[in-house]
Protein backbone atom coordinates (compact mmCIF):
# COMPACT_ATOMS: atom_id res chain seq x y z
CA GLN A 1 0.05 -0.02 0.04
CA VAL A 2 1.36 3.48 -0.99
CA ARG A 3 -0.19 6.71 0.12
CA LEU A 4 0.65 9.82 -1.92
CA VAL A 5 0.22 13.43 -0.80
CA GLU A 6 0.85 16.30 -3.23
CA SER A 7 1.63 19.88 -2.33
CA GLY A 8 2.90 23.07 -3.91
CA GLY A 9 0.07 24.13 -6.14
CA GLY A 10 -1.36 27.57 -6.28
CA LEU A 11 -2.00 30.70 -8.37
CA VAL A 12 0.81 31.93 -10.53
CA GLN A 13 1.10 34.51 -13.27
CA PRO A 14 1.97 33.45 -16.81
CA GLY A 15 5.74 32.95 -17.16
CA GLY A 16 6.09 32.12 -13.49
CA SER A 17 7.27 28.91 -11.74
CA LEU A 18 6.00 26.50 -9.30
CA ARG A 19 7.42 23.29 -7.77
CA LEU A 20 5.09 20.49 -6.91
CA SER A 21 6.07 17.86 -4.40
CA CYS A 22 4.59 14.34 -3.75
CA VAL A 23 5.43 12.50 -0.59
CA ALA A 24 4.93 8.81 -0.51
CA SER A 25 4.37 6.71 2.61
CA GLY A 26 4.52 2.98 2.69
CA SER A 27 7.10 0.54 1.51
CA SER A 28 9.49 0.38 -1.43
CA PHE A 29 9.17 3.85 -2.84
CA SER A 30 12.41 3.35 -4.72
CA THR A 31 10.95 0.44 -6.57
CA TYR A 32 8.15 2.46 -8.09
CA TYR A 33 8.08 4.41 -11.23
CA MET A 34 6.50 7.83 -10.48
CA ALA A 35 4.49 10.16 -12.74
CA TRP A 36 2.68 13.42 -12.77
CA HIS A 37 -0.60 13.72 -14.55
CA ARG A 38 -3.04 16.60 -14.77
CA GLN A 39 -6.76 17.23 -15.55
CA ALA A 40 -8.10 20.39 -16.73
CA PRO A 41 -11.89 21.21 -16.48
CA GLY A 42 -13.85 19.35 -19.09
CA LYS A 43 -10.77 17.44 -20.31
CA GLN A 44 -9.42 13.98 -19.77
CA ARG A 45 -6.62 13.31 -17.43
CA GLU A 46 -3.27 13.43 -19.29
CA SER A 47 0.25 12.32 -18.53
CA VAL A 48 2.69 15.12 -17.95
CA ALA A 49 5.93 13.51 -16.91
CA SER A 50 7.29 10.25 -15.54
CA ILE A 51 10.53 8.96 -13.99
CA SER A 52 11.59 5.41 -13.61
CA ASN A 53 13.07 3.72 -10.64
CA GLY A 54 16.39 4.25 -12.39
CA GLY A 55 15.88 7.89 -13.04
CA VAL A 56 14.96 7.81 -16.72
CA THR A 57 12.47 10.56 -17.53
CA ASN A 58 9.80 11.14 -20.13
CA TYR A 59 7.71 14.23 -20.87
CA ALA A 60 4.64 15.23 -22.83
CA ASP A 61 5.52 17.35 -25.76
CA SER A 62 3.45 20.19 -24.42
CA VAL A 63 5.85 20.55 -21.30
CA LYS A 64 9.27 19.53 -22.75
CA GLY A 65 11.78 22.18 -21.94
CA ARG A 66 9.65 23.81 -19.32
CA PHE A 67 9.00 21.10 -16.68
CA THR A 68 11.44 18.87 -14.90
CA ILE A 69 10.61 15.72 -13.00
CA SER A 70 12.89 14.40 -10.29
CA ARG A 71 12.86 12.10 -7.28
CA ASP A 72 14.65 11.83 -3.98
CA ASN A 73 14.39 8.26 -2.67
CA ALA A 74 15.86 9.19 0.62
CA LYS A 75 12.91 11.48 1.22
CA ASN A 76 10.30 9.27 -0.61
CA THR A 77 9.51 12.34 -2.69
CA VAL A 78 8.97 13.10 -6.32
CA TYR A 79 9.10 16.68 -7.64
CA LEU A 80 7.75 18.55 -10.64
CA GLN A 81 9.51 21.84 -11.34
CA MET A 82 7.30 23.96 -13.61
CA ASN A 83 8.83 26.94 -15.37
CA SER A 84 7.52 29.30 -17.97
CA LEU A 85 3.97 28.48 -16.97
CA LYS A 86 1.17 29.09 -19.45
CA PRO A 87 -2.58 29.52 -18.83
CA GLU A 88 -3.10 26.19 -20.62
CA ASP A 89 -1.10 24.52 -17.74
CA THR A 90 -4.03 25.23 -15.42
CA ALA A 91 -5.27 21.95 -14.03
CA VAL A 92 -5.39 19.70 -11.08
CA TYR A 93 -2.05 17.85 -10.93
CA TYR A 94 -1.93 14.25 -9.60
CA CYS A 95 1.00 12.16 -8.55
CA LYS A 96 0.95 8.47 -9.50
CA ALA A 97 3.12 5.46 -8.36
CA PHE A 98 3.17 2.41 -10.62
CA PHE A 99 5.20 -0.67 -11.23
CA GLY A 100 4.46 -3.73 -13.30
CA ARG A 101 1.45 -5.59 -12.27
CA LEU A 102 1.11 -3.90 -8.90
CA PRO A 103 -1.81 -1.57 -8.44
CA ASP A 104 -1.41 2.13 -9.44
CA TYR A 105 -1.64 4.52 -6.56
CA TRP A 106 -2.83 8.07 -6.93
CA GLY A 107 -2.67 11.22 -4.79
CA GLN A 108 -5.57 13.50 -4.10
CA GLY A 109 -4.29 16.22 -6.45
CA THR A 110 -3.16 19.78 -6.13
CA GLN A 111 -4.68 22.76 -8.09
CA VAL A 112 -2.45 24.82 -10.32
CA THR A 113 -3.86 27.99 -11.81
CA VAL A 114 -1.98 30.18 -14.24
CA SER A 115 -3.59 33.48 -14.69
CA SER A 116 -2.89 37.17 -14.60
């Protein structure tokens, strides 16, 4: 069982930055792949970025060069550094832990609003 708690969301102006954090409780955090997803109003949830248990990262085309995912296994935490934010980045951001045939675990989400 893995419990995920996100934080760091908020209101930011276009061009600004935010860093999201997701702290995991439970066993074997370092085993899991971690990902950030987001869901804007009226839209489907979409993948933003992921990081393997070995540190390999992947990004959606819409955030490449602006967002950076990282993890600190000693702190059971995954981060999403978001720079050059745009209004279209406005969404609820969710953290996910996944690995093979094990169940996926999701956090409760944190709201990010990009507006002037």
